[in-house]
Amino acid sequence: MPIITVLPHAQLCPEGATLQVESGETICDALLNNDIAIEHACEKSCACTTCHVIVKKGFNSLAPSEEEEDDLLDKAWGLTSVSRLSCQAVVTKDDLTVEIPKYTINHAREHYDKDWDV
Protein backbone atom coordinates (compact mmCIF):
# COMPACT_ATOMS: atom_id res chain seq x y z
CA MET A 1 0.00 0.00 0.00
CA PRO A 2 1.30 3.46 -0.83
CA ILE A 3 2.13 5.96 1.89
CA ILE A 4 1.19 9.63 1.85
CA THR A 5 3.38 11.81 4.02
CA VAL A 6 1.53 14.99 4.91
CA LEU A 7 3.78 17.88 5.89
CA PRO A 8 2.72 19.84 8.97
CA HIS A 9 -0.08 22.38 8.51
CA ALA A 10 -0.78 24.66 11.48
CA GLN A 11 -4.54 24.02 11.63
CA LEU A 12 -5.28 20.84 9.73
CA CYS A 13 -2.35 18.61 10.68
CA PRO A 14 0.03 20.37 13.10
CA GLU A 15 2.33 17.39 13.58
CA GLY A 16 2.18 16.18 9.99
CA ALA A 17 1.06 12.64 9.28
CA THR A 18 2.02 9.41 7.59
CA LEU A 19 -0.96 7.68 6.00
CA GLN A 20 -1.16 4.21 4.52
CA VAL A 21 -3.76 4.46 1.76
CA GLU A 22 -5.34 2.42 -1.01
CA SER A 23 -4.17 2.77 -4.59
CA GLY A 24 -6.99 4.29 -6.65
CA GLU A 25 -8.10 6.63 -3.87
CA THR A 26 -7.85 10.37 -4.42
CA ILE A 27 -5.49 12.36 -2.22
CA CYS A 28 -8.51 14.31 -0.95
CA ASP A 29 -10.37 11.16 0.12
CA ALA A 30 -7.21 9.73 1.68
CA LEU A 31 -6.79 12.86 3.80
CA LEU A 32 -10.46 13.03 4.79
CA ASN A 33 -10.55 9.30 5.63
CA ASN A 34 -7.63 9.90 8.00
CA ASP A 35 -9.22 12.83 9.84
CA ILE A 36 -7.33 15.57 8.00
CA ALA A 37 -10.13 18.01 7.20
CA ILE A 38 -8.88 19.45 3.92
CA GLU A 39 -11.36 21.88 2.43
CA HIS A 40 -13.43 20.66 -0.50
CA ALA A 41 -16.05 23.35 -0.98
CA CYS A 42 -17.34 21.90 -4.26
CA GLU A 43 -17.74 18.44 -2.72
CA LYS A 44 -14.89 17.06 -4.86
CA SER A 45 -16.49 17.89 -8.21
CA CYS A 46 -13.50 19.79 -9.68
CA ALA A 47 -15.28 23.13 -9.45
CA CYS A 48 -13.08 25.05 -6.98
CA THR A 49 -9.51 25.17 -5.67
CA THR A 50 -10.02 24.65 -1.94
CA CYS A 51 -8.46 21.14 -1.97
CA HIS A 52 -5.27 22.35 -3.68
CA VAL A 53 -2.13 20.50 -2.54
CA ILE A 54 1.51 20.67 -3.51
CA VAL A 55 2.95 17.23 -4.29
CA LYS A 56 6.53 17.48 -3.04
CA LYS A 57 7.41 13.84 -3.80
CA GLY A 58 5.81 11.44 -6.26
CA PHE A 59 4.23 14.03 -8.53
CA ASN A 60 5.21 12.17 -11.70
CA SER A 61 3.47 9.01 -10.49
CA LEU A 62 0.10 10.77 -10.76
CA ALA A 63 -1.89 10.72 -13.97
CA PRO A 64 -1.59 14.04 -15.82
CA SER A 65 -4.16 16.66 -14.90
CA GLU A 66 -7.06 17.35 -17.24
CA GLU A 67 -7.68 20.76 -18.80
CA GLU A 68 -10.55 21.51 -16.38
CA GLU A 69 -8.26 20.97 -13.39
CA ASP A 70 -5.48 23.05 -14.96
CA ASP A 71 -7.89 25.95 -15.56
CA LEU A 72 -8.90 25.90 -11.89
CA LEU A 73 -5.35 25.52 -10.62
CA ASP A 74 -4.48 28.79 -12.35
CA LYS A 75 -6.67 30.44 -9.69
CA ALA A 76 -5.21 28.61 -6.68
CA TRP A 77 -3.27 30.45 -3.99
CA GLY A 78 0.40 29.46 -3.94
CA LEU A 79 0.35 27.60 -7.26
CA THR A 80 3.53 25.66 -8.08
CA SER A 81 4.63 23.42 -10.94
CA VAL A 82 3.72 20.42 -8.76
CA SER A 83 0.29 21.61 -7.63
CA ARG A 84 -2.80 19.43 -7.97
CA LEU A 85 -6.40 19.49 -6.86
CA SER A 86 -6.43 16.66 -4.35
CA CYS A 87 -9.94 15.63 -5.43
CA GLN A 88 -8.57 14.86 -8.90
CA ALA A 89 -5.18 13.34 -8.06
CA VAL A 90 -5.48 9.56 -7.76
CA VAL A 91 -2.89 7.70 -5.71
CA THR A 92 -1.02 4.99 -7.60
CA LYS A 93 1.39 2.46 -6.09
CA ASP A 94 4.03 5.12 -5.40
CA ASP A 95 4.47 7.00 -2.13
CA LEU A 96 3.67 10.71 -2.05
CA THR A 97 4.64 13.68 0.07
CA VAL A 98 2.08 16.49 0.07
CA GLU A 99 1.89 19.97 1.49
CA ILE A 100 -1.45 21.62 2.16
CA PRO A 101 -1.02 25.32 1.36
CA LYS A 102 -1.44 27.81 4.16
CA TYR A 103 -4.33 29.60 2.42
CA THR A 104 -7.19 28.76 0.09
CA ILE A 105 -9.42 30.94 -2.00
CA ASN A 106 -12.67 30.24 -0.20
CA HIS A 107 -15.05 33.12 0.32
CA ALA A 108 -17.09 31.19 2.88
CA ARG A 109 -14.07 30.44 5.09
CA GLU A 110 -12.78 33.98 4.79
CA HIS A 111 -16.20 35.30 5.77
CA TYR A 112 -16.96 32.96 8.66
CA ASP A 113 -13.49 32.36 10.07
CA LYS A 114 -12.16 35.88 10.36
CA ASP A 115 -10.43 34.99 13.60
CA TRP A 116 -8.86 31.82 12.22
CA ASP A 117 -5.13 32.37 12.59
CA VAL A 118 -3.47 31.13 9.42
C-alpha atoms as a PDB file:
ATOM      1  CA  MET A   1       0.000   0.000   0.000  1.00  0.00           C
ATOM      2  CA  PRO A   2       1.299   3.460  -0.826  1.00  0.00           C
ATOM      3  CA  ILE A   3       2.126   5.959   1.893  1.00  0.00           C
ATOM      4  CA  ILE A   4       1.188   9.633   1.848  1.00  0.00           C
ATOM      5  CA  THR A   5       3.385  11.806   4.024  1.00  0.00           C
ATOM      6  CA  VAL A   6       1.525  14.990   4.907  1.00  0.00           C
ATOM      7  CA  LEU A   7       3.778  17.876   5.888  1.00  0.00           C
ATOM      8  CA  PRO A   8       2.724  19.844   8.972  1.00  0.00           C
ATOM      9  CA  HIS A   9      -0.077  22.383   8.514  1.00  0.00           C
ATOM     10  CA  ALA A  10      -0.784  24.658  11.480  1.00  0.00           C
ATOM     11  CA  GLN A  11      -4.540  24.024  11.626  1.00  0.00           C
ATOM     12  CA  LEU A  12      -5.278  20.838   9.725  1.00  0.00           C
ATOM     13  CA  CYS A  13      -2.353  18.614  10.677  1.00  0.00           C
ATOM     14  CA  PRO A  14       0.027  20.370  13.096  1.00  0.00           C
ATOM     15  CA  GLU A  15       2.326  17.387  13.580  1.00  0.00           C
ATOM     16  CA  GLY A  16       2.185  16.184   9.987  1.00  0.00           C
ATOM     17  CA  ALA A  17       1.060  12.640   9.282  1.00  0.00           C
ATOM     18  CA  THR A  18       2.019   9.411   7.588  1.00  0.00           C
ATOM     19  CA  LEU A  19      -0.961   7.680   6.004  1.00  0.00           C
ATOM     20  CA  GLN A  20      -1.157   4.206   4.518  1.00  0.00           C
ATOM     21  CA  VAL A  21      -3.761   4.461   1.764  1.00  0.00           C
ATOM     22  CA  GLU A  22      -5.343   2.424  -1.007  1.00  0.00           C
ATOM     23  CA  SER A  23      -4.170   2.769  -4.589  1.00  0.00           C
ATOM     24  CA  GLY A  24      -6.985   4.288  -6.654  1.00  0.00           C
ATOM     25  CA  GLU A  25      -8.101   6.629  -3.875  1.00  0.00           C
ATOM     26  CA  THR A  26      -7.848  10.374  -4.424  1.00  0.00           C
ATOM     27  CA  ILE A  27      -5.487  12.357  -2.225  1.00  0.00           C
ATOM     28  CA  CYS A  28      -8.508  14.305  -0.945  1.00  0.00           C
ATOM     29  CA  ASP A  29     -10.366  11.163   0.119  1.00  0.00           C
ATOM     30  CA  ALA A  30      -7.214   9.734   1.676  1.00  0.00           C
ATOM     31  CA  LEU A  31      -6.788  12.862   3.796  1.00  0.00           C
ATOM     32  CA  LEU A  32     -10.461  13.028   4.789  1.00  0.00           C
ATOM     33  CA  ASN A  33     -10.547   9.301   5.626  1.00  0.00           C
ATOM     34  CA  ASN A  34      -7.626   9.898   8.002  1.00  0.00           C
ATOM     35  CA  ASP A  35      -9.218  12.832   9.842  1.00  0.00           C
ATOM     36  CA  ILE A  36      -7.330  15.574   8.000  1.00  0.00           C
ATOM     37  CA  ALA A  37     -10.134  18.012   7.203  1.00  0.00           C
ATOM     38  CA  ILE A  38      -8.881  19.451   3.924  1.00  0.00           C
ATOM     39  CA  GLU A  39     -11.356  21.878   2.428  1.00  0.00           C
ATOM     40  CA  HIS A  40     -13.430  20.659  -0.496  1.00  0.00           C
ATOM     41  CA  ALA A  41     -16.047  23.350  -0.983  1.00  0.00           C
ATOM     42  CA  CYS A  42     -17.338  21.904  -4.262  1.00  0.00           C
ATOM     43  CA  GLU A  43     -17.743  18.441  -2.719  1.00  0.00           C
ATOM     44  CA  LYS A  44     -14.892  17.057  -4.855  1.00  0.00           C
ATOM     45  CA  SER A  45     -16.493  17.891  -8.211  1.00  0.00           C
ATOM     46  CA  CYS A  46     -13.499  19.794  -9.684  1.00  0.00           C
ATOM     47  CA  ALA A  47     -15.276  23.127  -9.452  1.00  0.00           C
ATOM     48  CA  CYS A  48     -13.082  25.048  -6.979  1.00  0.00           C
ATOM     49  CA  THR A  49      -9.511  25.170  -5.666  1.00  0.00           C
ATOM     50  CA  THR A  50     -10.015  24.646  -1.942  1.00  0.00           C
ATOM     51  CA  CYS A  51      -8.461  21.144  -1.971  1.00  0.00           C
ATOM     52  CA  HIS A  52      -5.266  22.347  -3.678  1.00  0.00           C
ATOM     53  CA  VAL A  53      -2.134  20.502  -2.543  1.00  0.00           C
ATOM     54  CA  ILE A  54       1.512  20.665  -3.509  1.00  0.00           C
ATOM     55  CA  VAL A  55       2.951  17.233  -4.293  1.00  0.00           C
ATOM     56  CA  LYS A  56       6.534  17.481  -3.042  1.00  0.00           C
ATOM     57  CA  LYS A  57       7.406  13.845  -3.803  1.00  0.00           C
ATOM     58  CA  GLY A  58       5.808  11.438  -6.255  1.00  0.00           C
ATOM     59  CA  PHE A  59       4.227  14.034  -8.535  1.00  0.00           C
ATOM     60  CA  ASN A  60       5.208  12.167 -11.701  1.00  0.00           C
ATOM     61  CA  SER A  61       3.466   9.007 -10.492  1.00  0.00           C
ATOM     62  CA  LEU A  62       0.097  10.767 -10.756  1.00  0.00           C
ATOM     63  CA  ALA A  63      -1.885  10.721 -13.974  1.00  0.00           C
ATOM     64  CA  PRO A  64      -1.589  14.041 -15.816  1.00  0.00           C
ATOM     65  CA  SER A  65      -4.160  16.657 -14.902  1.00  0.00           C
ATOM     66  CA  GLU A  66      -7.062  17.350 -17.239  1.00  0.00           C
ATOM     67  CA  GLU A  67      -7.682  20.764 -18.796  1.00  0.00           C
ATOM     68  CA  GLU A  68     -10.547  21.512 -16.382  1.00  0.00           C
ATOM     69  CA  GLU A  69      -8.258  20.973 -13.389  1.00  0.00           C
ATOM     70  CA  ASP A  70      -5.481  23.051 -14.964  1.00  0.00           C
ATOM     71  CA  ASP A  71      -7.889  25.946 -15.556  1.00  0.00           C
ATOM     72  CA  LEU A  72      -8.902  25.902 -11.892  1.00  0.00           C
ATOM     73  CA  LEU A  73      -5.351  25.522 -10.622  1.00  0.00           C
ATOM     74  CA  ASP A  74      -4.481  28.792 -12.355  1.00  0.00           C
ATOM     75  CA  LYS A  75      -6.673  30.443  -9.691  1.00  0.00           C
ATOM     76  CA  ALA A  76      -5.212  28.607  -6.679  1.00  0.00           C
ATOM     77  CA  TRP A  77      -3.271  30.451  -3.989  1.00  0.00           C
ATOM     78  CA  GLY A  78       0.395  29.456  -3.945  1.00  0.00           C
ATOM     79  CA  LEU A  79       0.347  27.597  -7.262  1.00  0.00           C
ATOM     80  CA  THR A  80       3.526  25.662  -8.084  1.00  0.00           C
ATOM     81  CA  SER A  81       4.625  23.423 -10.938  1.00  0.00           C
ATOM     82  CA  VAL A  82       3.720  20.419  -8.764  1.00  0.00           C
ATOM     83  CA  SER A  83       0.286  21.613  -7.634  1.00  0.00           C
ATOM     84  CA  ARG A  84      -2.801  19.433  -7.966  1.00  0.00           C
ATOM     85  CA  LEU A  85      -6.397  19.490  -6.856  1.00  0.00           C
ATOM     86  CA  SER A  86      -6.429  16.665  -4.345  1.00  0.00           C
ATOM     87  CA  CYS A  87      -9.935  15.634  -5.425  1.00  0.00           C
ATOM     88  CA  GLN A  88      -8.575  14.862  -8.903  1.00  0.00           C
ATOM     89  CA  ALA A  89      -5.180  13.341  -8.065  1.00  0.00           C
ATOM     90  CA  VAL A  90      -5.479   9.563  -7.757  1.00  0.00           C
ATOM     91  CA  VAL A  91      -2.887   7.704  -5.707  1.00  0.00           C
ATOM     92  CA  THR A  92      -1.017   4.990  -7.604  1.00  0.00           C
ATOM     93  CA  LYS A  93       1.389   2.462  -6.093  1.00  0.00           C
ATOM     94  CA  ASP A  94       4.030   5.119  -5.396  1.00  0.00           C
ATOM     95  CA  ASP A  95       4.472   7.004  -2.131  1.00  0.00           C
ATOM     96  CA  LEU A  96       3.667  10.711  -2.053  1.00  0.00           C
ATOM     97  CA  THR A  97       4.636  13.677   0.075  1.00  0.00           C
ATOM     98  CA  VAL A  98       2.079  16.490   0.070  1.00  0.00           C
ATOM     99  CA  GLU A  99       1.889  19.966   1.487  1.00  0.00           C
ATOM    100  CA  ILE A 100      -1.447  21.624   2.160  1.00  0.00           C
ATOM    101  CA  PRO A 101      -1.021  25.322   1.362  1.00  0.00           C
ATOM    102  CA  LYS A 102      -1.441  27.814   4.160  1.00  0.00           C
ATOM    103  CA  TYR A 103      -4.330  29.601   2.421  1.00  0.00           C
ATOM    104  CA  THR A 104      -7.191  28.757   0.093  1.00  0.00           C
ATOM    105  CA  ILE A 105      -9.425  30.942  -1.996  1.00  0.00           C
ATOM    106  CA  ASN A 106     -12.674  30.237  -0.199  1.00  0.00           C
ATOM    107  CA  HIS A 107     -15.047  33.122   0.321  1.00  0.00           C
ATOM    108  CA  ALA A 108     -17.092  31.189   2.880  1.00  0.00           C
ATOM    109  CA  ARG A 109     -14.074  30.439   5.089  1.00  0.00           C
ATOM    110  CA  GLU A 110     -12.781  33.981   4.794  1.00  0.00           C
ATOM    111  CA  HIS A 111     -16.200  35.304   5.774  1.00  0.00           C
ATOM    112  CA  TYR A 112     -16.958  32.961   8.658  1.00  0.00           C
ATOM    113  CA  ASP A 113     -13.491  32.356  10.071  1.00  0.00           C
ATOM    114  CA  LYS A 114     -12.163  35.885  10.359  1.00  0.00           C
ATOM    115  CA  ASP A 115     -10.430  34.986  13.600  1.00  0.00           C
ATOM    116  CA  TRP A 116      -8.856  31.819  12.223  1.00  0.00           C
ATOM    117  CA  ASP A 117      -5.131  32.369  12.595  1.00  0.00           C
ATOM    118  CA  VAL A 118      -3.473  31.127   9.415  1.00  0.00           C
END
